[in-house]
Protein backbone atom coordinates (compact mmCIF):
# COMPACT_ATOMS: atom_id res chain seq x y z
CA UNK A 1 0.02 0.00 0.03
CA UNK A 2 1.30 3.46 -0.79
CA UNK A 3 0.94 5.84 2.19
CA UNK A 4 0.60 9.26 1.36
CA UNK A 5 -0.08 12.51 3.43
CA UNK A 6 -2.95 14.35 1.87
CA UNK A 7 -2.86 18.08 2.86
CA UNK A 8 -6.10 20.08 3.00
CA UNK A 9 -6.01 23.80 3.40
CA UNK A 10 -8.56 26.58 2.96
CA UNK A 11 -6.69 28.14 0.06
CA UNK A 12 -5.43 25.07 -1.76
CA UNK A 13 -5.44 21.30 -1.66
CA UNK A 14 -2.67 18.89 -2.48
CA UNK A 15 -2.59 15.01 -2.58
CA UNK A 16 1.21 14.90 -2.36
CA UNK A 17 4.19 14.50 -0.19
CA UNK A 18 3.53 16.87 2.68
CA UNK A 19 4.57 17.46 6.24
CA UNK A 20 2.76 15.64 9.03
CA UNK A 21 0.62 18.57 10.10
CA UNK A 22 1.34 21.92 8.26
CA UNK A 23 -0.24 25.10 8.98
CA UNK A 24 -0.64 27.57 11.89
CA UNK A 25 0.85 26.44 15.20
CA UNK A 26 -1.35 25.27 17.96
CA UNK A 27 -3.04 28.05 19.92
CA UNK A 28 -5.03 28.10 23.18
CA UNK A 29 -8.88 28.46 22.59
CA UNK A 30 -10.18 31.87 23.40
CA UNK A 31 -12.18 32.34 26.55
CA UNK A 32 -14.61 34.44 24.64
CA UNK A 33 -15.29 32.18 21.69
CA UNK A 34 -17.81 33.29 19.10
CA UNK A 35 -20.64 30.99 18.13
CA UNK A 36 -20.00 29.00 15.04
CA UNK A 37 -22.55 28.38 12.34
CA UNK A 38 -22.27 24.99 10.71
CA UNK A 39 -23.93 23.71 7.45
CA UNK A 40 -25.59 20.48 6.73
CA UNK A 41 -23.10 17.65 7.22
CA UNK A 42 -25.24 14.96 5.83
CA UNK A 43 -25.69 16.98 2.60
CA UNK A 44 -22.01 17.39 2.49
CA UNK A 45 -21.38 13.79 2.51
CA UNK A 46 -23.95 13.25 -0.11
CA UNK A 47 -22.45 15.83 -2.29
CA UNK A 48 -19.01 14.14 -1.83
CA UNK A 49 -20.45 10.90 -3.05
CA UNK A 50 -21.98 12.70 -6.08
CA UNK A 51 -18.56 13.85 -7.21
CA UNK A 52 -18.08 10.43 -8.61
CA UNK A 53 -16.03 7.25 -7.70
CA UNK A 54 -16.63 7.64 -3.95
CA UNK A 55 -18.29 4.51 -2.58
CA UNK A 56 -18.96 5.91 0.86
CA UNK A 57 -18.38 8.94 2.85
CA UNK A 58 -18.83 9.59 6.63
CA UNK A 59 -18.01 12.75 8.33
CA UNK A 60 -18.64 14.66 11.75
CA UNK A 61 -18.27 18.29 12.79
CA UNK A 62 -17.34 19.23 16.47
CA UNK A 63 -17.36 22.58 18.04
CA UNK A 64 -15.67 22.93 21.55
CA UNK A 65 -15.74 19.15 21.82
CA UNK A 66 -19.42 18.76 21.11
CA UNK A 67 -20.67 17.15 18.09
CA UNK A 68 -22.87 19.55 15.96
CA UNK A 69 -23.52 17.50 12.90
CA UNK A 70 -22.83 14.05 11.37
CA UNK A 71 -23.48 12.38 7.98
CA UNK A 72 -23.19 9.12 6.17
CA UNK A 73 -23.69 8.69 2.38
CA UNK A 74 -23.13 6.07 -0.22
CA UNK A 75 -22.58 2.49 0.85
CA UNK A 76 -20.30 0.05 2.67
CA UNK A 77 -19.48 -1.96 -0.56
CA UNK A 78 -19.37 -1.09 -4.25
CA UNK A 79 -22.51 -0.65 -6.33
CA UNK A 80 -24.66 0.36 -3.46
CA UNK A 81 -24.19 -2.89 -1.63
CA UNK A 82 -23.78 -3.63 2.18
CA UNK A 83 -26.10 -0.94 3.52
CA UNK A 84 -24.91 2.47 4.76
CA UNK A 85 -21.65 3.02 6.66
CA UNK A 86 -22.42 3.85 10.29
CA UNK A 87 -21.27 7.44 10.95
CA UNK A 88 -19.44 6.05 13.91
CA UNK A 89 -17.57 3.35 11.95
CA UNK A 90 -13.86 2.91 12.31
CA UNK A 91 -11.52 3.57 9.30
CA UNK A 92 -7.79 3.69 8.44
CA UNK A 93 -6.48 7.12 9.15
CA UNK A 94 -3.44 6.52 7.05
CA UNK A 95 -0.57 9.08 7.52
CA UNK A 96 -2.42 10.86 10.32
CA UNK A 97 -0.72 8.21 12.30
CA UNK A 98 2.51 10.14 11.80
CA UNK A 99 1.24 13.04 14.01
CA UNK A 100 0.61 10.52 16.85
CA UNK A 101 4.02 8.95 16.46
CA UNK A 102 5.64 12.31 16.43
CA UNK A 103 3.80 13.43 19.47
CA UNK A 104 4.80 10.28 21.51
CA UNK A 105 8.49 10.81 20.50
CA UNK A 106 8.33 14.41 21.54
CA UNK A 107 6.82 13.53 24.82
CA UNK A 108 9.93 11.43 25.37
CA UNK A 109 11.96 14.51 24.53
CA UNK A 110 9.90 16.53 27.13
CA UNK A 111 10.64 13.83 29.68
CA UNK A 112 14.40 14.09 29.08
CA UNK A 113 14.72 10.71 27.63
CA UNK A 114 15.73 11.81 24.22
CA UNK A 115 16.77 14.97 22.32
CA UNK A 116 15.66 16.10 18.94
CA UNK A 117 19.33 16.57 18.04
CA UNK A 118 20.37 12.98 19.04
CA UNK A 119 21.79 11.07 16.02
CA UNK A 120 20.08 7.98 14.75
CA UNK A 121 23.33 6.03 15.20
CA UNK A 122 23.46 6.78 18.90
CA UNK A 123 19.69 6.12 19.65
CA UNK A 124 19.40 3.07 17.32
CA UNK A 125 23.02 1.90 16.86
CA UNK A 126 21.72 -1.45 15.21
CA UNK A 127 20.45 0.28 12.22
CA UNK A 128 24.06 1.60 11.57
CA UNK A 129 25.65 -1.67 12.59
CA UNK A 130 23.43 -3.68 10.25
CA UNK A 131 23.65 -1.16 7.48
CA UNK A 132 19.86 -0.54 7.46
CA UNK A 133 20.23 3.22 7.20
CA UNK A 134 22.88 4.92 5.16
CA UNK A 135 24.57 7.95 7.04
CA UNK A 136 22.88 7.15 10.29
CA UNK A 137 25.53 9.10 12.09
CA UNK A 138 24.41 12.28 10.32
CA UNK A 139 20.76 11.97 10.75
CA UNK A 140 18.96 13.30 13.76
CA UNK A 141 15.70 12.77 15.47
CA UNK A 142 14.63 16.20 14.23
CA UNK A 143 15.35 15.03 10.63
CA UNK A 144 13.10 12.04 11.13
CA UNK A 145 10.18 14.07 12.41
CA UNK A 146 10.45 16.65 9.76
CA UNK A 147 11.07 14.16 6.84
CA UNK A 148 14.44 15.75 6.05
CA UNK A 149 16.57 12.66 6.69
CA UNK A 150 16.97 11.65 2.93
CA UNK A 151 16.24 8.02 3.82
CA UNK A 152 14.28 6.32 0.89
CA UNK A 153 10.95 5.06 1.22
CA UNK A 154 10.38 1.30 1.56
CA UNK A 155 7.11 1.07 -0.24
CA UNK A 156 7.18 -1.51 -3.14
CA UNK A 157 6.97 -5.04 -4.12
CA UNK A 158 9.22 -6.27 -1.12
CA UNK A 159 6.61 -4.95 1.45
CA UNK A 160 3.35 -5.52 -0.35
CA UNK A 161 2.45 -9.01 0.87
CA UNK A 162 -0.88 -8.64 2.74
CA UNK A 163 -0.25 -11.96 4.79
CA UNK A 164 3.29 -11.31 5.94
CA UNK A 165 4.03 -10.07 9.43
CA UNK A 166 6.70 -7.43 8.47
CA UNK A 167 9.14 -6.38 11.18
CA UNK A 168 10.38 -2.73 11.13
CA UNK A 169 13.88 -4.13 10.16
CA UNK A 170 12.36 -5.70 7.19
CA UNK A 171 10.85 -2.49 5.97
CA UNK A 172 14.17 -0.69 6.57
CA UNK A 173 16.00 -3.38 4.51
CA UNK A 174 13.56 -2.82 1.63
CA UNK A 175 14.30 0.99 1.75
CA UNK A 176 17.99 0.21 1.94
CA UNK A 177 17.91 -1.15 -1.60
CA UNK A 178 16.71 2.19 -2.95
CA UNK A 179 18.89 5.15 -3.87
CA UNK A 180 18.97 8.15 -1.49
CA UNK A 181 16.73 10.75 -3.22
CA UNK A 182 18.02 13.81 -1.36
CA UNK A 183 20.77 14.90 1.01
CA UNK A 184 20.25 14.94 4.77
CA UNK A 185 18.40 18.21 5.62
CA UNK A 186 16.35 18.27 2.53
CA UNK A 187 12.57 17.62 2.65
CA UNK A 188 11.56 14.33 1.08
CA UNK A 189 8.30 12.42 1.91
CA UNK A 190 9.35 8.93 3.12
CA UNK A 191 7.55 6.61 5.43
CA UNK A 192 10.76 5.15 6.58
CA UNK A 193 11.31 8.03 8.95
CA UNK A 194 8.21 7.13 10.98
CA UNK A 195 9.22 3.48 11.06
CA UNK A 196 12.37 4.52 12.78
CA UNK A 197 10.52 6.79 15.14
CA UNK A 198 8.31 3.94 16.14
CA UNK A 199 11.52 1.88 16.78
CA UNK A 200 12.82 4.66 18.99
CA UNK A 201 9.57 4.68 21.05
CA UNK A 202 9.75 1.02 21.58
CA UNK A 203 13.37 0.97 22.62
CA UNK A 204 13.18 3.82 24.96
CA UNK A 205 9.85 2.84 26.60
CA UNK A 206 10.30 -0.93 26.60
CA UNK A 207 6.77 -1.49 25.17
CA UNK A 208 5.42 -2.13 21.73
CA UNK A 209 4.47 0.87 19.61
CA UNK A 210 0.78 -0.02 19.81
CA UNK A 211 0.97 -0.30 23.67
CA UNK A 212 2.79 3.09 23.92
CA UNK A 213 0.45 4.88 21.74
CA UNK A 214 -2.43 3.63 23.81
CA UNK A 215 -0.79 4.51 27.06
CA UNK A 216 0.33 8.02 26.12
CA UNK A 217 -2.54 9.18 23.79
CA UNK A 218 -5.54 6.89 23.20
CA UNK A 219 -6.26 5.91 26.95
CA UNK A 220 -5.83 9.35 28.57
CA UNK A 221 -7.88 11.00 25.67
CA UNK A 222 -10.78 8.47 26.04
CA UNK A 223 -10.02 7.02 22.47
CA UNK A 224 -11.43 3.69 23.26
CA UNK A 225 -12.08 2.70 19.46
CA UNK A 226 -8.66 3.69 18.24
CA UNK A 227 -5.85 1.19 17.99
CA UNK A 228 -2.81 0.20 16.10
CA UNK A 229 -3.14 -3.38 14.65
CA UNK A 230 0.00 -5.52 15.30
CA UNK A 231 -0.59 -8.49 12.86
CA UNK A 232 -1.21 -9.00 9.13
CA UNK A 233 -4.85 -9.72 8.66
CA UNK A 234 -5.94 -7.50 11.63
CA UNK A 235 -8.09 -4.89 10.12
CA UNK A 236 -10.96 -2.68 10.95
CA UNK A 237 -13.35 -3.99 13.68
CA UNK A 238 -17.05 -3.73 13.14
CA UNK A 239 -19.00 -2.50 10.09
CA UNK A 240 -17.04 -0.21 7.87
CA UNK A 241 -16.64 1.16 4.35
CA UNK A 242 -14.56 -0.74 1.87
CA UNK A 243 -12.40 0.88 -0.66
CA UNK A 244 -11.39 -0.38 -4.20
CA UNK A 245 -8.64 -0.04 -6.59
CA UNK A 246 -8.09 -1.16 -10.16
CA UNK A 247 -6.00 -4.52 -10.83
CA UNK A 248 -3.84 -4.83 -13.88
CA UNK A 249 -6.84 -5.36 -15.95
CA UNK A 250 -8.66 -2.27 -14.84
CA UNK A 251 -11.24 -4.15 -12.75
CA UNK A 252 -11.98 -2.69 -9.24
CA UNK A 253 -10.87 -4.94 -6.33
CA UNK A 254 -11.68 -4.67 -2.70
CA UNK A 255 -8.54 -3.63 -1.04
CA UNK A 256 -10.02 -4.04 2.48
CA UNK A 257 -8.13 -7.40 2.98
CA UNK A 258 -5.03 -6.07 1.24
CA UNK A 259 -4.27 -3.56 4.06
CA UNK A 260 -1.48 -4.88 6.11
CA UNK A 261 -0.91 -2.77 9.39
CA UNK A 262 2.59 -4.37 9.83
CA UNK A 263 3.77 -2.59 6.62
CA UNK A 264 2.43 0.77 8.03
CA UNK A 265 3.12 0.73 11.69
CA UNK A 266 3.99 4.27 12.96
CA UNK A 267 3.80 5.74 9.48
CA UNK A 268 0.14 4.97 8.73
CA UNK A 269 -1.23 1.95 10.58
CA UNK A 270 -3.75 3.40 13.08
CA UNK A 271 -7.51 2.78 12.86
CA UNK A 272 -9.78 5.35 14.43
CA UNK A 273 -13.20 7.22 14.21
CA UNK A 274 -14.35 10.69 13.26
CA UNK A 275 -14.97 11.39 16.84
CA UNK A 276 -11.77 10.24 18.25
CA UNK A 277 -9.71 11.90 15.56
CA UNK A 278 -11.58 15.13 16.47
CA UNK A 279 -10.58 14.38 20.09
CA UNK A 280 -6.84 14.05 19.17
CA UNK A 281 -6.59 17.09 17.08
CA UNK A 282 -8.47 19.30 19.63
CA UNK A 283 -5.92 18.07 22.32
CA UNK A 284 -3.03 18.59 20.08
CA UNK A 285 -3.99 21.95 18.99
CA UNK A 286 -4.73 23.29 22.51
CA UNK A 287 -1.34 22.11 23.73
CA UNK A 288 -2.70 19.41 25.87
CA UNK A 289 -0.15 16.83 24.53
CA UNK A 290 2.94 18.89 24.03
CA UNK A 291 4.15 22.28 24.92
CA UNK A 292 4.03 24.70 21.94
CA UNK A 293 7.74 24.69 21.61
CA UNK A 294 7.75 21.03 20.85
CA UNK A 295 4.52 21.06 18.73
CA UNK A 296 6.13 23.49 16.34
CA UNK A 297 8.54 20.68 15.19
CA UNK A 298 5.44 19.01 13.79
CA UNK A 299 3.40 21.96 12.66
CA UNK A 300 6.12 24.28 11.20
CA UNK A 301 7.32 23.59 7.66
CA UNK A 302 10.78 22.12 7.61
CA UNK A 303 13.76 24.08 6.23
CA UNK A 304 13.28 24.56 2.43
CA UNK A 305 9.52 24.02 2.44
CA UNK A 306 7.24 26.74 1.61
CA UNK A 307 4.60 27.58 4.32
CA UNK A 308 0.93 26.99 3.31
CA UNK A 309 -0.65 30.02 1.83
CA UNK A 310 -2.41 32.45 4.27
CA UNK A 311 -6.17 32.54 4.56
CA UNK A 312 -8.90 30.00 4.65
CA UNK A 313 -12.05 29.11 2.65
CA UNK A 314 -14.00 31.66 4.71
CA UNK A 315 -11.43 34.37 4.53
CA UNK A 316 -10.33 33.88 8.11
CA UNK A 317 -13.64 33.25 9.72
CA UNK A 318 -13.25 30.60 11.01
CA UNK A 319 -9.40 30.28 10.76
CA UNK A 320 -8.55 26.68 9.67
CA UNK A 321 -5.03 25.32 9.98
CA UNK A 322 -3.96 23.08 7.22
CA UNK A 323 -5.54 19.59 8.01
CA UNK A 324 -3.83 16.44 8.51
CA UNK A 325 -4.83 13.58 5.99
CA UNK A 326 -3.94 10.20 4.79
CA UNK A 327 -4.29 8.36 1.67
CA UNK A 328 -3.80 5.04 0.10
CA UNK A 329 -5.47 3.00 -2.66
CA UNK A 330 -9.17 2.75 -1.68
CA UNK A 331 -9.40 5.52 0.86
CA UNK A 332 -8.64 9.18 1.93
CA UNK A 333 -9.21 10.29 5.35
CA UNK A 334 -8.78 13.78 6.91
CA UNK A 335 -9.22 15.77 10.07
CA UNK A 336 -9.31 19.50 9.55
CA UNK A 337 -9.07 21.67 12.53
CA UNK A 338 -9.22 25.37 13.40
CA UNK A 339 -5.94 26.96 14.66
CA UNK A 340 -7.24 27.33 18.16
CA UNK A 341 -8.55 23.76 18.29
CA UNK A 342 -12.16 24.72 18.72
CA UNK A 343 -13.54 23.16 15.46
CA UNK A 344 -12.95 19.83 13.79
CA UNK A 345 -14.21 18.47 10.62
CA UNK A 346 -13.34 14.79 10.36
CA UNK A 347 -14.00 12.84 7.22
CA UNK A 348 -13.51 9.29 5.80
CA UNK A 349 -13.95 8.51 2.13
CA UNK A 350 -13.82 5.01 0.61
CA UNK A 351 -13.04 5.15 -3.05
CA UNK A 352 -13.15 3.24 -6.39
CA UNK A 353 -10.67 5.14 -8.57
CA UNK A 354 -7.12 4.96 -10.00
CA UNK A 355 -4.10 6.78 -8.62
CA UNK A 356 -4.50 9.72 -10.94
CA UNK A 357 -8.04 10.48 -10.02
CA UNK A 358 -7.20 10.24 -6.35
CA UNK A 359 -5.30 13.50 -6.67
CA UNK A 360 -8.61 15.16 -6.95
CA UNK A 361 -10.00 14.05 -3.68
CA UNK A 362 -8.39 16.58 -1.47
CA UNK A 363 -9.88 19.44 -3.31
CA UNK A 364 -13.33 17.74 -3.06
CA UNK A 365 -12.86 17.56 0.72
CA UNK A 366 -11.98 21.22 0.83
CA UNK A 367 -15.25 22.07 -1.06
CA UNK A 368 -17.11 20.13 1.66
CA UNK A 369 -15.41 22.10 4.30
CA UNK A 370 -16.50 25.37 2.48
CA UNK A 371 -19.98 24.16 2.28
CA UNK A 372 -20.08 23.57 6.11
CA UNK A 373 -18.21 26.68 7.33
CA UNK A 374 -18.38 29.41 4.79
CA UNK A 375 -21.35 31.84 4.96
CA UNK A 376 -23.67 31.66 2.08
CA UNK A 377 -23.31 34.58 -0.33
């Protein structure tokens, strides 16, 4: 599966390699918050399905932690089969997982167990000793978080078996076969960075990545339906939407059973819900998980990357930060939040389209955002 970060902003939308969470830094919610008018979420989901090749869409909007709208359109399976997707259904969040992994790493920094300037070869000497990462003595934890390590991605034929339980070292060995795309310090989207961050979490905590994400994030925030599967074949619990992708003949195939969390891990393996993704984003944006000085390592663009354009779909009212998203064949999911953490629009789309058409999905979600929050003219 190709794990990509889909970025959604008010001014533009990109389905491309992007930072974990770009946009305005977290800010504390105002004590005199103005009321927010929200459009019809059900209609927004129906309109998303009508844009074509969207099998199902679910979404919810939260204001100050309270759900103010929800919707479900389309069907669980292709061609209208399987009934509606429950609005509360779980789904793959894809590269939104990276924000969680980075947060757990930076909590270790806050606790003094790690420094963002520590070298990879010092924190994980085995990756240098086994030649799993080139130039590990130059790469820092900061480089991994900001995707500036220059480590190649591991995605490819060697990591695409849906039945195999991949170890992190298996994924790094696959990446090592690929040529370095950029120099250390230059931005390049590669999931390998977050496989390594997951390994660092496991080494310093003495727990599995799944257990540590639950201990640090999911349990404290009451995210009881969110989890990181740990074995091939472990997928989404409960009724949920199925996505589709074309095979070599162009026939759409159900990719639900092709998803392998052990090939995604801390780069994109978490499963969650619209409510719980809203909970996470609200806590992150309101500095409840990290101090602002550390959150900026996630939200600020890395050196050489252009900041997202200023402005929002509603000309600053409300002001949305660029939203975190995740995409792979068969699905796109996003959680768009206001800069102050008051507002969240969480959405999951299951798709039946090829890679080229998937690039249009972020702009469709941005249009849904406009329909919900922009005043009618």
